[in-house]
Amino acid sequence: MPDTSHRSIQRTQLFEALAVMAFAAALFGVTYTFDRVPPLLAQGIQPTVFPRAILAIMFALGAIRALNAIRLTAADLEFAKPPKSIPALVLVTAGLLIALPILMSVIGTFPALVLFLPALSMAWGERRWGLMALSFAGFTGFIYVLFRLIMNVPLP
C-alpha cells in the first residue's frame, strides 16, 4: 500500500539534493587537509578559500533543492503544532537556569548554588527541607571536590 501521508515529498529530488549536500560537506572537510601557504605567497587569500566558497554554494543550492522537493503544505505541518501551551513550570525552570550563570558571575559559584538549588526545588514542588538541605550540601560538595580538588580548576 503506498504511503499517502507524505504525498507532497518528491523523494528522487530529495535524495539527489541530500547526495549533493553530503558530497559538498565531505569535500569541505577535505579542504582542512590542504597545506597553508605563507601570507606573502597567498596573494591575499589562502588556497582553501575558493574551493570552500564553491562547496558552500553547492551545499546551499542542495538545501534549496531539498526544501523544494519537500513542498510541505499547511496540512503536512499540523503534527508540528504543540497540543497545548507550554506549562508555566517550564518557563520558571528556564528562567532559573538562565539566571544561574549570571548569578555565578556576580556573586560566585557557591552563593549562586545556595540560591538556585532551593529556588528550583521549591518551583518543582519539593517541600522536605531536611532532604533538600542534605542533597544541596552533597551536590555542592561534589562540585567543589570535582572541580577544585580533582581538576584543580578555580571556580568563579
C-alpha atoms as a PDB file:
ATOM      1  CA  MET A   1       0.000   0.000   0.000  1.00  0.00           C
ATOM      2  CA  PRO A   2       1.519   3.388  -0.940  1.00  0.00           C
ATOM      3  CA  ASP A   3       2.409   5.882   1.746  1.00  0.00           C
ATOM      4  CA  THR A   4      -0.200   8.640   1.486  1.00  0.00           C
ATOM      5  CA  SER A   5       0.955  10.653   4.495  1.00  0.00           C
ATOM      6  CA  HIS A   6       3.722  12.421   2.536  1.00  0.00           C
ATOM      7  CA  ARG A   7       2.351  12.852  -0.975  1.00  0.00           C
ATOM      8  CA  SER A   8       3.956  16.263  -1.324  1.00  0.00           C
ATOM      9  CA  ILE A   9       7.537  14.935  -0.940  1.00  0.00           C
ATOM     10  CA  GLN A  10       9.354  14.192  -4.191  1.00  0.00           C
ATOM     11  CA  ARG A  11      11.725  11.501  -2.967  1.00  0.00           C
ATOM     12  CA  THR A  12      14.016  11.386  -6.019  1.00  0.00           C
ATOM     13  CA  GLN A  13      14.706  15.122  -5.895  1.00  0.00           C
ATOM     14  CA  LEU A  14      15.173  14.948  -2.134  1.00  0.00           C
ATOM     15  CA  PHE A  15      17.668  12.064  -2.458  1.00  0.00           C
ATOM     16  CA  GLU A  16      19.621  13.955  -5.137  1.00  0.00           C
ATOM     17  CA  ALA A  17      19.693  17.102  -3.011  1.00  0.00           C
ATOM     18  CA  LEU A  18      20.866  15.215   0.066  1.00  0.00           C
ATOM     19  CA  ALA A  19      23.562  13.486  -2.000  1.00  0.00           C
ATOM     20  CA  VAL A  20      24.846  16.845  -3.284  1.00  0.00           C
ATOM     21  CA  MET A  21      24.809  18.240   0.257  1.00  0.00           C
ATOM     22  CA  ALA A  22      26.710  15.222   1.620  1.00  0.00           C
ATOM     23  CA  PHE A  23      29.244  15.450  -1.214  1.00  0.00           C
ATOM     24  CA  ALA A  24      29.809  19.164  -0.610  1.00  0.00           C
ATOM     25  CA  ALA A  25      30.112  18.673   3.150  1.00  0.00           C
ATOM     26  CA  ALA A  26      32.621  15.826   2.732  1.00  0.00           C
ATOM     27  CA  LEU A  27      34.790  17.799   0.326  1.00  0.00           C
ATOM     28  CA  PHE A  28      34.563  20.851   2.555  1.00  0.00           C
ATOM     29  CA  GLY A  29      36.100  18.704   5.286  1.00  0.00           C
ATOM     30  CA  VAL A  30      38.858  17.628   2.904  1.00  0.00           C
ATOM     31  CA  THR A  31      39.874  21.277   2.418  1.00  0.00           C
ATOM     32  CA  TYR A  32      41.130  21.280   6.013  1.00  0.00           C
ATOM     33  CA  THR A  33      43.929  18.943   4.899  1.00  0.00           C
ATOM     34  CA  PHE A  34      45.349  21.492   2.408  1.00  0.00           C
ATOM     35  CA  ASP A  35      48.735  22.974   3.215  1.00  0.00           C
ATOM     36  CA  ARG A  36      48.783  26.537   4.436  1.00  0.00           C
ATOM     37  CA  VAL A  37      50.595  28.984   2.186  1.00  0.00           C
ATOM     38  CA  PRO A  38      52.704  31.792   3.683  1.00  0.00           C
ATOM     39  CA  PRO A  39      50.795  35.100   3.556  1.00  0.00           C
ATOM     40  CA  LEU A  40      53.381  36.613   1.220  1.00  0.00           C
ATOM     41  CA  LEU A  41      52.705  33.943  -1.427  1.00  0.00           C
ATOM     42  CA  ALA A  42      48.936  33.686  -0.877  1.00  0.00           C
ATOM     43  CA  GLN A  43      48.260  36.965  -2.720  1.00  0.00           C
ATOM     44  CA  GLY A  44      45.516  37.966  -0.318  1.00  0.00           C
ATOM     45  CA  ILE A  45      43.663  34.658   0.064  1.00  0.00           C
ATOM     46  CA  GLN A  46      44.569  31.125   1.029  1.00  0.00           C
ATOM     47  CA  PRO A  47      44.171  28.266  -1.493  1.00  0.00           C
ATOM     48  CA  THR A  48      41.254  26.894   0.545  1.00  0.00           C
ATOM     49  CA  VAL A  49      39.032  29.962   0.177  1.00  0.00           C
ATOM     50  CA  PHE A  50      37.822  29.402  -3.397  1.00  0.00           C
ATOM     51  CA  PRO A  51      37.038  25.656  -3.047  1.00  0.00           C
ATOM     52  CA  ARG A  52      35.256  26.285   0.242  1.00  0.00           C
ATOM     53  CA  ALA A  53      33.183  29.045  -1.326  1.00  0.00           C
ATOM     54  CA  ILE A  54      32.168  26.799  -4.238  1.00  0.00           C
ATOM     55  CA  LEU A  55      31.342  23.936  -1.873  1.00  0.00           C
ATOM     56  CA  ALA A  56      29.302  26.252   0.370  1.00  0.00           C
ATOM     57  CA  ILE A  57      27.330  27.396  -2.662  1.00  0.00           C
ATOM     58  CA  MET A  58      26.801  23.764  -3.702  1.00  0.00           C
ATOM     59  CA  PHE A  59      25.568  22.913  -0.218  1.00  0.00           C
ATOM     60  CA  ALA A  60      23.208  25.910  -0.149  1.00  0.00           C
ATOM     61  CA  LEU A  61      21.787  25.060  -3.571  1.00  0.00           C
ATOM     62  CA  GLY A  62      21.326  21.455  -2.444  1.00  0.00           C
ATOM     63  CA  ALA A  63      19.468  22.682   0.633  1.00  0.00           C
ATOM     64  CA  ILE A  64      17.208  24.841  -1.537  1.00  0.00           C
ATOM     65  CA  ARG A  65      16.577  21.859  -3.796  1.00  0.00           C
ATOM     66  CA  ALA A  66      15.764  19.684  -0.764  1.00  0.00           C
ATOM     67  CA  LEU A  67      13.293  22.261   0.557  1.00  0.00           C
ATOM     68  CA  ASN A  68      11.738  22.486  -2.897  1.00  0.00           C
ATOM     69  CA  ALA A  69      11.444  18.691  -3.068  1.00  0.00           C
ATOM     70  CA  ILE A  70       9.645  18.523   0.251  1.00  0.00           C
ATOM     71  CA  ARG A  71       6.963  21.133  -0.572  1.00  0.00           C
ATOM     72  CA  LEU A  72       5.138  20.779   2.691  1.00  0.00           C
ATOM     73  CA  THR A  73       1.636  22.175   2.913  1.00  0.00           C
ATOM     74  CA  ALA A  74      -0.128  23.542   5.960  1.00  0.00           C
ATOM     75  CA  ALA A  75      -1.876  20.191   6.386  1.00  0.00           C
ATOM     76  CA  ASP A  76       1.508  18.425   6.461  1.00  0.00           C
ATOM     77  CA  LEU A  77       2.652  20.677   9.323  1.00  0.00           C
ATOM     78  CA  GLU A  78      -0.335  20.040  11.598  1.00  0.00           C
ATOM     79  CA  PHE A  79       1.670  17.485  13.584  1.00  0.00           C
ATOM     80  CA  ALA A  80       4.233  20.170  14.489  1.00  0.00           C
ATOM     81  CA  LYS A  81       1.761  22.331  16.401  1.00  0.00           C
ATOM     82  CA  PRO A  82       2.000  21.853  20.153  1.00  0.00           C
ATOM     83  CA  PRO A  83      -1.145  20.242  21.544  1.00  0.00           C
ATOM     84  CA  LYS A  84      -1.365  22.835  24.330  1.00  0.00           C
ATOM     85  CA  SER A  85       0.541  25.803  25.670  1.00  0.00           C
ATOM     86  CA  ILE A  86       3.858  25.452  27.473  1.00  0.00           C
ATOM     87  CA  PRO A  87       3.359  24.974  31.229  1.00  0.00           C
ATOM     88  CA  ALA A  88       4.480  27.806  33.497  1.00  0.00           C
ATOM     89  CA  LEU A  89       6.833  25.415  35.313  1.00  0.00           C
ATOM     90  CA  VAL A  90       8.897  25.041  32.138  1.00  0.00           C
ATOM     91  CA  LEU A  91       9.259  28.810  31.815  1.00  0.00           C
ATOM     92  CA  VAL A  92      10.170  29.196  35.507  1.00  0.00           C
ATOM     93  CA  THR A  93      12.794  26.439  35.212  1.00  0.00           C
ATOM     94  CA  ALA A  94      14.239  28.026  32.072  1.00  0.00           C
ATOM     95  CA  GLY A  95      14.397  31.392  33.825  1.00  0.00           C
ATOM     96  CA  LEU A  96      16.214  29.889  36.789  1.00  0.00           C
ATOM     97  CA  LEU A  97      18.682  28.086  34.515  1.00  0.00           C
ATOM     98  CA  ILE A  98      19.387  31.339  32.684  1.00  0.00           C
ATOM     99  CA  ALA A  99      19.782  33.223  35.962  1.00  0.00           C
ATOM    100  CA  LEU A 100      22.274  30.703  37.415  1.00  0.00           C
ATOM    101  CA  PRO A 101      25.338  31.599  35.284  1.00  0.00           C
ATOM    102  CA  ILE A 102      24.521  35.295  35.652  1.00  0.00           C
ATOM    103  CA  LEU A 103      24.416  34.922  39.421  1.00  0.00           C
ATOM    104  CA  MET A 104      27.609  32.848  39.353  1.00  0.00           C
ATOM    105  CA  SER A 105      29.497  35.643  37.622  1.00  0.00           C
ATOM    106  CA  VAL A 106      28.154  38.290  40.020  1.00  0.00           C
ATOM    107  CA  ILE A 107      28.224  36.622  43.446  1.00  0.00           C
ATOM    108  CA  GLY A 108      30.284  33.458  42.875  1.00  0.00           C
ATOM    109  CA  THR A 109      29.582  29.779  42.325  1.00  0.00           C
ATOM    110  CA  PHE A 110      28.702  28.617  45.814  1.00  0.00           C
ATOM    111  CA  PRO A 111      26.436  31.540  46.803  1.00  0.00           C
ATOM    112  CA  ALA A 112      24.650  31.181  43.448  1.00  0.00           C
ATOM    113  CA  LEU A 113      24.116  27.463  44.098  1.00  0.00           C
ATOM    114  CA  VAL A 114      22.798  28.271  47.584  1.00  0.00           C
ATOM    115  CA  LEU A 115      20.132  30.478  45.958  1.00  0.00           C
ATOM    116  CA  PHE A 116      19.491  28.397  42.843  1.00  0.00           C
ATOM    117  CA  LEU A 117      19.041  24.917  44.298  1.00  0.00           C
ATOM    118  CA  PRO A 118      16.286  25.780  46.825  1.00  0.00           C
ATOM    119  CA  ALA A 119      14.508  28.017  44.297  1.00  0.00           C
ATOM    120  CA  LEU A 120      14.460  25.228  41.715  1.00  0.00           C
ATOM    121  CA  SER A 121      13.367  22.615  44.244  1.00  0.00           C
ATOM    122  CA  MET A 122      10.545  24.803  45.535  1.00  0.00           C
ATOM    123  CA  ALA A 123       9.420  25.582  41.988  1.00  0.00           C
ATOM    124  CA  TRP A 124       9.224  21.845  41.311  1.00  0.00           C
ATOM    125  CA  GLY A 125       7.125  21.345  44.458  1.00  0.00           C
ATOM    126  CA  GLU A 126       9.640  19.829  46.870  1.00  0.00           C
ATOM    127  CA  ARG A 127       8.864  20.691  50.495  1.00  0.00           C
ATOM    128  CA  ARG A 128      11.039  18.259  52.504  1.00  0.00           C
ATOM    129  CA  TRP A 129      13.593  20.745  53.833  1.00  0.00           C
ATOM    130  CA  GLY A 130      15.841  18.178  55.515  1.00  0.00           C
ATOM    131  CA  LEU A 131      16.210  16.104  52.369  1.00  0.00           C
ATOM    132  CA  MET A 132      16.745  19.225  50.283  1.00  0.00           C
ATOM    133  CA  ALA A 133      19.482  20.526  52.607  1.00  0.00           C
ATOM    134  CA  LEU A 134      21.224  17.163  52.550  1.00  0.00           C
ATOM    135  CA  SER A 135      21.091  16.899  48.750  1.00  0.00           C
ATOM    136  CA  PHE A 136      22.229  20.524  48.301  1.00  0.00           C
ATOM    137  CA  ALA A 137      25.200  20.013  50.604  1.00  0.00           C
ATOM    138  CA  GLY A 138      26.114  16.790  48.805  1.00  0.00           C
ATOM    139  CA  PHE A 139      25.842  18.377  45.365  1.00  0.00           C
ATOM    140  CA  THR A 140      27.815  21.467  46.369  1.00  0.00           C
ATOM    141  CA  GLY A 141      30.481  19.290  47.973  1.00  0.00           C
ATOM    142  CA  PHE A 142      30.666  17.144  44.843  1.00  0.00           C
ATOM    143  CA  ILE A 143      31.130  20.257  42.674  1.00  0.00           C
ATOM    144  CA  TYR A 144      33.881  21.509  44.984  1.00  0.00           C
ATOM    145  CA  VAL A 145      35.738  18.175  45.082  1.00  0.00           C
ATOM    146  CA  LEU A 146      35.429  17.585  41.348  1.00  0.00           C
ATOM    147  CA  PHE A 147      36.473  20.998  40.089  1.00  0.00           C
ATOM    148  CA  ARG A 148      38.669  22.414  42.848  1.00  0.00           C
ATOM    149  CA  LEU A 149      40.456  19.342  44.207  1.00  0.00           C
ATOM    150  CA  ILE A 150      40.480  16.791  41.383  1.00  0.00           C
ATOM    151  CA  MET A 151      40.651  19.026  38.286  1.00  0.00           C
ATOM    152  CA  ASN A 152      42.362  21.949  40.080  1.00  0.00           C
ATOM    153  CA  VAL A 153      40.088  24.470  38.332  1.00  0.00           C
ATOM    154  CA  PRO A 154      39.222  27.637  40.257  1.00  0.00           C
ATOM    155  CA  LEU A 155      35.504  28.310  40.427  1.00  0.00           C
ATOM    156  CA  PRO A 156      34.186  31.805  39.722  1.00  0.00           C
END
